[in-house]
Amino acid sequence: MNSYNINVLTENGKTTIDCNKILYIESSLQFTRVTLINNQTIELLLTMQEIEYVLLEQGFFKFNNRLLVNLKCIQVVFPSNASKVIMENGKEIFVNYNKREELFENLREVYELHELV
């Protein structure tokens, strides 16, 4: 897995995060929070739009306006007719019906999967 680091602003100053260690990023009106594979969280002084701009081309998928997920950290993917994925830390994330096909396409790209014909 290629390493890709980003520099982000936090309340404690600038920090560097290895993108391979990010599970997901959540946002609300009060915060944008990164959850890492060791379950450590980091509060960012960036908006979700700013972080998306950096990460969407790095194997991340926008489940909704508040959640950006590292596709490489999904542990269980249910069949296309199911409604959730499970992250490495056990967090269940529900997939909106109209985003499922896009999710599976992105997963194929990230893992370079090819359907058997």
N, C-alpha and C. Protein backbone atom coordinates (compact mmCIF):
# COMPACT_ATOMS: atom_id res chain seq x y z
N MET A 1 0.83 -1.16 0.00
CA MET A 1 0.00 0.00 0.00
C MET A 1 0.89 1.24 0.00
N ASN A 2 0.67 2.15 -0.93
CA ASN A 2 1.47 3.36 -1.01
C ASN A 2 1.15 4.27 0.16
N SER A 3 2.16 4.95 0.65
CA SER A 3 1.98 5.89 1.75
C SER A 3 1.65 7.26 1.19
N TYR A 4 0.70 7.91 1.81
CA TYR A 4 0.30 9.25 1.40
C TYR A 4 0.01 10.03 2.66
N ASN A 5 0.79 11.05 2.94
CA ASN A 5 0.63 11.86 4.14
C ASN A 5 -0.02 13.18 3.80
N ILE A 6 -0.84 13.68 4.75
CA ILE A 6 -1.41 15.00 4.59
C ILE A 6 -1.06 15.81 5.83
N ASN A 7 -0.88 17.10 5.63
CA ASN A 7 -0.66 18.03 6.74
C ASN A 7 -1.98 18.74 7.00
N VAL A 8 -2.43 18.70 8.25
CA VAL A 8 -3.72 19.30 8.60
C VAL A 8 -3.56 20.18 9.82
N LEU A 9 -4.48 21.14 9.95
CA LEU A 9 -4.50 22.02 11.10
C LEU A 9 -5.43 21.46 12.17
N THR A 10 -4.95 21.46 13.41
CA THR A 10 -5.74 21.04 14.56
C THR A 10 -5.67 22.16 15.60
N GLU A 11 -6.42 22.01 16.68
CA GLU A 11 -6.34 23.00 17.76
C GLU A 11 -4.95 23.07 18.37
N ASN A 12 -4.19 21.98 18.25
CA ASN A 12 -2.83 21.92 18.80
C ASN A 12 -1.76 22.29 17.78
N GLY A 13 -2.17 22.80 16.63
CA GLY A 13 -1.22 23.18 15.60
C GLY A 13 -1.29 22.23 14.41
N LYS A 14 -0.26 22.29 13.60
CA LYS A 14 -0.21 21.47 12.38
C LYS A 14 0.28 20.07 12.72
N THR A 15 -0.36 19.06 12.11
CA THR A 15 0.09 17.67 12.30
C THR A 15 0.06 16.95 10.97
N THR A 16 0.83 15.89 10.87
CA THR A 16 0.88 15.08 9.65
C THR A 16 0.17 13.76 9.93
N ILE A 17 -0.68 13.36 9.00
CA ILE A 17 -1.44 12.11 9.14
C ILE A 17 -1.15 11.22 7.94
N ASP A 18 -0.83 9.97 8.20
CA ASP A 18 -0.68 8.96 7.15
C ASP A 18 -2.09 8.53 6.74
N CYS A 19 -2.45 8.77 5.50
CA CYS A 19 -3.81 8.47 5.03
C CYS A 19 -4.16 7.00 5.13
N ASN A 20 -3.16 6.13 5.07
CA ASN A 20 -3.43 4.70 5.21
C ASN A 20 -3.90 4.35 6.61
N LYS A 21 -3.71 5.26 7.56
CA LYS A 21 -4.12 5.00 8.94
C LYS A 21 -5.46 5.64 9.28
N ILE A 22 -6.08 6.30 8.32
CA ILE A 22 -7.39 6.92 8.54
C ILE A 22 -8.47 5.88 8.25
N LEU A 23 -9.36 5.66 9.21
CA LEU A 23 -10.54 4.82 8.98
C LEU A 23 -11.63 5.64 8.28
N TYR A 24 -12.00 6.74 8.92
CA TYR A 24 -13.04 7.60 8.37
C TYR A 24 -12.93 8.99 8.96
N ILE A 25 -13.65 9.90 8.33
CA ILE A 25 -13.71 11.29 8.78
C ILE A 25 -15.18 11.65 8.90
N GLU A 26 -15.55 12.19 10.05
CA GLU A 26 -16.93 12.59 10.30
C GLU A 26 -16.97 14.10 10.51
N SER A 27 -18.09 14.70 10.14
CA SER A 27 -18.23 16.12 10.39
C SER A 27 -19.61 16.42 10.95
N SER A 28 -19.68 17.52 11.67
CA SER A 28 -20.94 18.06 12.16
C SER A 28 -20.78 19.57 12.14
N LEU A 29 -21.74 20.27 12.69
CA LEU A 29 -21.61 21.73 12.73
C LEU A 29 -20.44 22.16 13.62
N GLN A 30 -20.11 21.36 14.63
CA GLN A 30 -19.09 21.74 15.59
C GLN A 30 -17.68 21.27 15.22
N PHE A 31 -17.53 20.18 14.46
CA PHE A 31 -16.20 19.62 14.28
C PHE A 31 -16.08 18.85 12.96
N THR A 32 -14.84 18.60 12.58
CA THR A 32 -14.48 17.60 11.59
C THR A 32 -13.47 16.71 12.30
N ARG A 33 -13.81 15.44 12.46
CA ARG A 33 -12.99 14.52 13.27
C ARG A 33 -12.50 13.36 12.43
N VAL A 34 -11.19 13.10 12.53
CA VAL A 34 -10.57 11.96 11.87
C VAL A 34 -10.49 10.83 12.90
N THR A 35 -10.90 9.61 12.51
CA THR A 35 -10.71 8.44 13.35
C THR A 35 -9.67 7.56 12.67
N LEU A 36 -8.60 7.24 13.41
CA LEU A 36 -7.50 6.45 12.88
C LEU A 36 -7.70 4.97 13.19
N ILE A 37 -6.90 4.09 12.58
CA ILE A 37 -7.06 2.65 12.76
C ILE A 37 -6.83 2.19 14.19
N ASN A 38 -6.14 2.99 14.99
CA ASN A 38 -5.95 2.65 16.40
C ASN A 38 -7.05 3.26 17.28
N ASN A 39 -8.11 3.76 16.64
CA ASN A 39 -9.27 4.42 17.26
C ASN A 39 -8.94 5.77 17.89
N GLN A 40 -7.74 6.28 17.67
CA GLN A 40 -7.42 7.64 18.09
C GLN A 40 -8.23 8.60 17.21
N THR A 41 -8.68 9.70 17.79
CA THR A 41 -9.38 10.71 17.00
C THR A 41 -8.61 12.02 17.03
N ILE A 42 -8.72 12.75 15.93
CA ILE A 42 -8.08 14.05 15.81
C ILE A 42 -9.13 15.03 15.30
N GLU A 43 -9.32 16.12 16.03
CA GLU A 43 -10.25 17.16 15.60
C GLU A 43 -9.51 18.12 14.68
N LEU A 44 -10.08 18.35 13.51
CA LEU A 44 -9.44 19.19 12.51
C LEU A 44 -10.02 20.59 12.50
N LEU A 45 -9.21 21.55 12.09
CA LEU A 45 -9.67 22.91 11.86
C LEU A 45 -9.89 23.11 10.36
N LEU A 46 -10.47 22.10 9.73
CA LEU A 46 -10.78 22.12 8.31
C LEU A 46 -12.24 21.72 8.14
N THR A 47 -12.84 22.17 7.06
CA THR A 47 -14.20 21.73 6.76
C THR A 47 -14.14 20.38 6.04
N MET A 48 -15.27 19.71 5.99
CA MET A 48 -15.34 18.44 5.27
C MET A 48 -15.00 18.67 3.79
N GLN A 49 -15.45 19.76 3.22
CA GLN A 49 -15.15 20.04 1.81
C GLN A 49 -13.65 20.16 1.58
N GLU A 50 -12.95 20.79 2.49
CA GLU A 50 -11.50 20.95 2.34
C GLU A 50 -10.79 19.60 2.42
N ILE A 51 -11.20 18.75 3.34
CA ILE A 51 -10.55 17.44 3.49
C ILE A 51 -10.93 16.52 2.32
N GLU A 52 -12.16 16.62 1.84
CA GLU A 52 -12.58 15.83 0.66
C GLU A 52 -11.70 16.15 -0.53
N TYR A 53 -11.44 17.41 -0.74
CA TYR A 53 -10.65 17.84 -1.88
C TYR A 53 -9.31 17.11 -1.93
N VAL A 54 -8.74 16.86 -0.77
CA VAL A 54 -7.44 16.20 -0.68
C VAL A 54 -7.57 14.68 -0.79
N LEU A 55 -8.64 14.10 -0.23
CA LEU A 55 -8.69 12.65 -0.06
C LEU A 55 -9.54 11.86 -1.06
N LEU A 56 -10.46 12.49 -1.75
CA LEU A 56 -11.35 11.72 -2.63
C LEU A 56 -10.60 10.94 -3.69
N GLU A 57 -9.49 11.42 -4.14
CA GLU A 57 -8.71 10.71 -5.17
C GLU A 57 -7.71 9.74 -4.55
N GLN A 58 -7.75 9.56 -3.24
CA GLN A 58 -6.79 8.70 -2.54
C GLN A 58 -7.46 7.46 -1.96
N GLY A 59 -8.57 7.01 -2.55
CA GLY A 59 -9.23 5.80 -2.10
C GLY A 59 -10.26 6.03 -1.02
N PHE A 60 -10.76 7.24 -0.91
CA PHE A 60 -11.80 7.56 0.06
C PHE A 60 -13.13 7.71 -0.67
N PHE A 61 -14.22 7.45 0.04
CA PHE A 61 -15.55 7.50 -0.54
C PHE A 61 -16.47 8.31 0.37
N LYS A 62 -17.23 9.20 -0.24
CA LYS A 62 -18.17 10.05 0.50
C LYS A 62 -19.51 9.33 0.62
N PHE A 63 -19.79 8.79 1.81
CA PHE A 63 -21.05 8.08 2.05
C PHE A 63 -22.21 9.05 2.11
N ASN A 64 -21.98 10.21 2.69
CA ASN A 64 -22.98 11.27 2.76
C ASN A 64 -22.24 12.56 3.07
N ASN A 65 -22.96 13.64 3.33
CA ASN A 65 -22.33 14.94 3.57
C ASN A 65 -21.50 14.99 4.85
N ARG A 66 -21.66 14.00 5.70
CA ARG A 66 -20.97 14.02 6.99
C ARG A 66 -19.93 12.92 7.18
N LEU A 67 -19.76 12.05 6.18
CA LEU A 67 -18.90 10.89 6.39
C LEU A 67 -18.07 10.55 5.15
N LEU A 68 -16.77 10.54 5.33
CA LEU A 68 -15.81 10.18 4.29
C LEU A 68 -15.03 8.97 4.80
N VAL A 69 -15.02 7.88 4.02
CA VAL A 69 -14.49 6.60 4.49
C VAL A 69 -13.31 6.16 3.64
N ASN A 70 -12.29 5.61 4.30
CA ASN A 70 -11.15 5.02 3.62
C ASN A 70 -11.58 3.62 3.15
N LEU A 71 -11.72 3.44 1.86
CA LEU A 71 -12.21 2.17 1.32
C LEU A 71 -11.28 1.00 1.64
N LYS A 72 -10.00 1.29 1.84
CA LYS A 72 -9.06 0.22 2.17
C LYS A 72 -9.25 -0.31 3.59
N CYS A 73 -10.03 0.40 4.41
CA CYS A 73 -10.25 0.00 5.81
C CYS A 73 -11.63 -0.61 6.04
N ILE A 74 -12.32 -0.93 4.96
CA ILE A 74 -13.60 -1.63 5.10
C ILE A 74 -13.27 -3.10 5.27
N GLN A 75 -13.78 -3.70 6.33
CA GLN A 75 -13.47 -5.09 6.61
C GLN A 75 -14.50 -6.03 5.99
N VAL A 76 -15.77 -5.66 6.05
CA VAL A 76 -16.84 -6.50 5.53
C VAL A 76 -17.70 -5.67 4.59
N VAL A 77 -17.90 -6.18 3.39
CA VAL A 77 -18.79 -5.55 2.43
C VAL A 77 -19.93 -6.52 2.18
N PHE A 78 -21.11 -6.07 2.44
CA PHE A 78 -22.26 -6.93 2.22
C PHE A 78 -22.63 -6.91 0.74
N PRO A 79 -23.39 -7.90 0.28
CA PRO A 79 -23.79 -7.94 -1.14
C PRO A 79 -24.47 -6.63 -1.55
N SER A 80 -24.53 -6.42 -2.84
CA SER A 80 -25.05 -5.15 -3.35
C SER A 80 -26.49 -4.85 -2.92
N ASN A 81 -27.23 -5.85 -2.48
CA ASN A 81 -28.60 -5.58 -2.04
C ASN A 81 -28.67 -5.27 -0.54
N ALA A 82 -27.53 -5.31 0.15
CA ALA A 82 -27.49 -5.01 1.58
C ALA A 82 -27.30 -3.51 1.78
N SER A 83 -27.35 -3.09 3.02
CA SER A 83 -27.33 -1.66 3.26
C SER A 83 -26.20 -1.19 4.17
N LYS A 84 -25.16 -2.01 4.35
CA LYS A 84 -24.08 -1.53 5.23
C LYS A 84 -22.74 -2.18 4.91
N VAL A 85 -21.70 -1.51 5.44
CA VAL A 85 -20.34 -2.04 5.45
C VAL A 85 -19.87 -1.99 6.90
N ILE A 86 -18.85 -2.78 7.21
CA ILE A 86 -18.28 -2.77 8.55
C ILE A 86 -16.81 -2.41 8.43
N MET A 87 -16.41 -1.43 9.22
CA MET A 87 -15.04 -0.95 9.21
C MET A 87 -14.16 -1.84 10.08
N GLU A 88 -12.85 -1.69 9.97
CA GLU A 88 -11.90 -2.50 10.74
C GLU A 88 -12.10 -2.37 12.24
N ASN A 89 -12.63 -1.24 12.70
CA ASN A 89 -12.85 -1.06 14.14
C ASN A 89 -14.24 -1.52 14.58
N GLY A 90 -15.00 -2.15 13.66
CA GLY A 90 -16.32 -2.66 13.99
C GLY A 90 -17.46 -1.69 13.74
N LYS A 91 -17.17 -0.46 13.41
CA LYS A 91 -18.22 0.53 13.15
C LYS A 91 -19.01 0.11 11.92
N GLU A 92 -20.33 0.08 12.05
CA GLU A 92 -21.23 -0.21 10.94
C GLU A 92 -21.62 1.10 10.27
N ILE A 93 -21.49 1.12 8.96
CA ILE A 93 -21.85 2.31 8.20
C ILE A 93 -22.90 1.91 7.18
N PHE A 94 -24.01 2.60 7.24
CA PHE A 94 -25.11 2.29 6.35
C PHE A 94 -24.96 3.05 5.05
N VAL A 95 -25.24 2.35 3.98
CA VAL A 95 -25.06 2.88 2.64
C VAL A 95 -26.41 3.29 2.08
N ASN A 96 -26.50 4.53 1.67
CA ASN A 96 -27.72 5.02 1.05
C ASN A 96 -27.96 4.24 -0.25
N TYR A 97 -29.19 3.89 -0.50
CA TYR A 97 -29.55 3.07 -1.66
C TYR A 97 -28.97 3.65 -2.96
N ASN A 98 -29.08 4.96 -3.15
CA ASN A 98 -28.63 5.55 -4.42
C ASN A 98 -27.10 5.71 -4.49
N LYS A 99 -26.37 5.35 -3.44
CA LYS A 99 -24.91 5.42 -3.46
C LYS A 99 -24.25 4.04 -3.59
N ARG A 100 -25.04 2.97 -3.53
CA ARG A 100 -24.47 1.61 -3.52
C ARG A 100 -23.64 1.29 -4.76
N GLU A 101 -24.19 1.56 -5.91
CA GLU A 101 -23.47 1.22 -7.14
C GLU A 101 -22.17 2.00 -7.24
N GLU A 102 -22.21 3.28 -6.87
CA GLU A 102 -21.00 4.10 -6.88
C GLU A 102 -19.97 3.56 -5.88
N LEU A 103 -20.44 3.11 -4.72
CA LEU A 103 -19.55 2.52 -3.73
C LEU A 103 -18.85 1.29 -4.28
N PHE A 104 -19.61 0.37 -4.89
CA PHE A 104 -19.02 -0.85 -5.42
C PHE A 104 -18.05 -0.56 -6.55
N GLU A 105 -18.36 0.44 -7.37
CA GLU A 105 -17.42 0.81 -8.43
C GLU A 105 -16.12 1.34 -7.85
N ASN A 106 -16.23 2.17 -6.83
CA ASN A 106 -15.04 2.71 -6.18
C ASN A 106 -14.24 1.62 -5.50
N LEU A 107 -14.91 0.66 -4.88
CA LEU A 107 -14.21 -0.47 -4.26
C LEU A 107 -13.45 -1.27 -5.31
N ARG A 108 -14.07 -1.50 -6.46
CA ARG A 108 -13.39 -2.22 -7.53
C ARG A 108 -12.14 -1.47 -7.98
N GLU A 109 -12.23 -0.17 -8.09
CA GLU A 109 -11.08 0.63 -8.50
C GLU A 109 -9.96 0.56 -7.47
N VAL A 110 -10.33 0.70 -6.19
CA VAL A 110 -9.33 0.70 -5.14
C VAL A 110 -8.62 -0.64 -5.06
N TYR A 111 -9.37 -1.71 -5.20
CA TYR A 111 -8.78 -3.04 -5.09
C TYR A 111 -8.48 -3.65 -6.45
N GLU A 112 -8.71 -2.90 -7.50
CA GLU A 112 -8.46 -3.34 -8.87
C GLU A 112 -9.10 -4.70 -9.13
N LEU A 113 -10.36 -4.78 -8.72
CA LEU A 113 -11.11 -6.02 -8.94
C LEU A 113 -11.75 -6.00 -10.32
N HIS A 114 -11.89 -7.17 -10.89
CA HIS A 114 -12.53 -7.28 -12.19
C HIS A 114 -13.60 -8.36 -12.09
N GLU A 115 -14.76 -8.04 -12.59
CA GLU A 115 -15.84 -9.02 -12.54
C GLU A 115 -15.54 -10.13 -13.56
N LEU A 116 -15.86 -11.32 -13.15
CA LEU A 116 -15.71 -12.46 -14.07
C LEU A 116 -16.91 -12.50 -15.00
N VAL A 117 -16.66 -12.67 -16.26
CA VAL A 117 -17.74 -12.71 -17.24
C VAL A 117 -18.02 -14.14 -17.62
